[in-house]
Amino acid sequence: MTGRARGIRDWRGPWLIFLSLAGGIAAYAILIGILGTRRIRTLYQRHELAITRMCGVMFIGFAANALLHAVPGLLANKV
């Protein structure tokens, strides 16, 4: 068996996926607990539009960064 095939057999992907899911659930629980407080809730409601816009800009930035790194590799394979 080659080294690559052996690595596939020992892959711990399901555990990583499970831990990622557990971390996401814990993060949402913390977020809900914090947003449940009156002070944070009023702050969020006051600045809701700005927060939503900043999240959108960050999302677009992540997409642009991914494209910036992916396109050169994709174009190199076609040449």
Protein backbone atom coordinates (compact mmCIF):
# COMPACT_ATOMS: atom_id res chain seq x y z
CA MET A 1 0.00 0.00 0.00
CA THR A 2 1.41 3.37 -0.93
CA GLY A 3 1.83 6.17 1.57
CA ARG A 4 -1.03 8.11 0.07
CA ALA A 5 -3.50 5.21 0.36
CA ARG A 6 -2.40 4.58 3.94
CA GLY A 7 -3.08 8.24 4.73
CA ILE A 8 -6.62 7.93 3.38
CA ARG A 9 -7.33 4.97 5.64
CA ASP A 10 -6.08 6.86 8.70
CA TRP A 11 -7.96 10.03 7.80
CA ARG A 12 -9.73 11.56 10.76
CA GLY A 13 -12.16 13.65 8.73
CA PRO A 14 -15.39 12.50 10.41
CA TRP A 15 -14.02 13.58 13.80
CA LEU A 16 -12.96 16.95 12.41
CA ILE A 17 -16.40 17.45 10.90
CA PHE A 18 -18.06 16.49 14.19
CA LEU A 19 -15.82 18.82 16.19
CA SER A 20 -16.51 21.64 13.74
CA LEU A 21 -20.24 21.09 14.15
CA ALA A 22 -19.91 21.01 17.94
CA GLY A 23 -17.89 24.23 17.87
CA GLY A 24 -20.51 25.92 15.72
CA ILE A 25 -23.30 24.87 18.06
CA ALA A 26 -21.31 26.11 21.07
CA ALA A 27 -20.65 29.43 19.31
CA TYR A 28 -24.35 29.89 18.58
CA ALA A 29 -25.22 29.06 22.20
CA ILE A 30 -22.75 31.68 23.44
CA LEU A 31 -24.02 34.22 20.91
CA ILE A 32 -27.64 33.63 21.88
CA GLY A 33 -26.71 33.89 25.57
CA ILE A 34 -24.91 37.19 25.02
CA LEU A 35 -27.56 38.67 22.72
CA GLY A 36 -30.15 37.78 25.29
CA THR A 37 -28.83 40.52 27.55
CA ARG A 38 -30.69 43.79 27.25
CA ARG A 39 -27.60 45.96 26.77
CA ILE A 40 -26.22 43.98 23.83
CA ARG A 41 -29.64 43.60 22.25
CA THR A 42 -30.28 47.37 22.26
CA LEU A 43 -26.78 48.04 20.91
CA TYR A 44 -27.34 45.55 18.08
CA GLN A 45 -30.78 46.93 17.26
CA ARG A 46 -29.40 50.46 17.15
CA HIS A 47 -26.59 49.53 14.74
CA GLU A 48 -28.23 46.60 12.93
CA LEU A 49 -27.92 48.05 9.42
CA ALA A 50 -24.23 48.94 9.84
CA ILE A 51 -23.45 45.48 11.29
CA THR A 52 -25.24 43.77 8.40
CA ARG A 53 -23.39 45.89 5.84
CA MET A 54 -20.01 45.21 7.46
CA CYS A 55 -20.71 41.46 7.40
CA GLY A 56 -21.63 41.72 3.72
CA VAL A 57 -18.41 43.58 2.92
CA MET A 58 -16.40 40.95 4.80
CA PHE A 59 -18.18 38.18 2.87
CA ILE A 60 -17.40 39.87 -0.45
CA GLY A 61 -13.80 40.32 0.69
CA PHE A 62 -13.45 36.63 1.51
CA ALA A 63 -14.90 35.72 -1.90
CA ALA A 64 -12.53 38.10 -3.69
CA ASN A 65 -9.58 36.66 -1.76
CA ALA A 66 -10.59 33.11 -2.65
CA LEU A 67 -10.91 34.04 -6.33
CA LEU A 68 -7.59 35.86 -6.27
CA HIS A 69 -5.86 32.71 -5.02
CA ALA A 70 -7.82 30.20 -7.11
CA VAL A 71 -7.89 31.78 -10.58
CA PRO A 72 -4.14 31.67 -11.28
CA GLY A 73 -4.07 27.94 -10.52
CA LEU A 74 -7.12 27.28 -12.65
CA LEU A 75 -5.73 29.23 -15.58
CA ALA A 76 -2.33 27.50 -15.34
CA ASN A 77 -3.97 24.08 -15.76
CA LYS A 78 -5.65 25.08 -19.03
CA VAL A 79 -2.49 26.33 -20.73
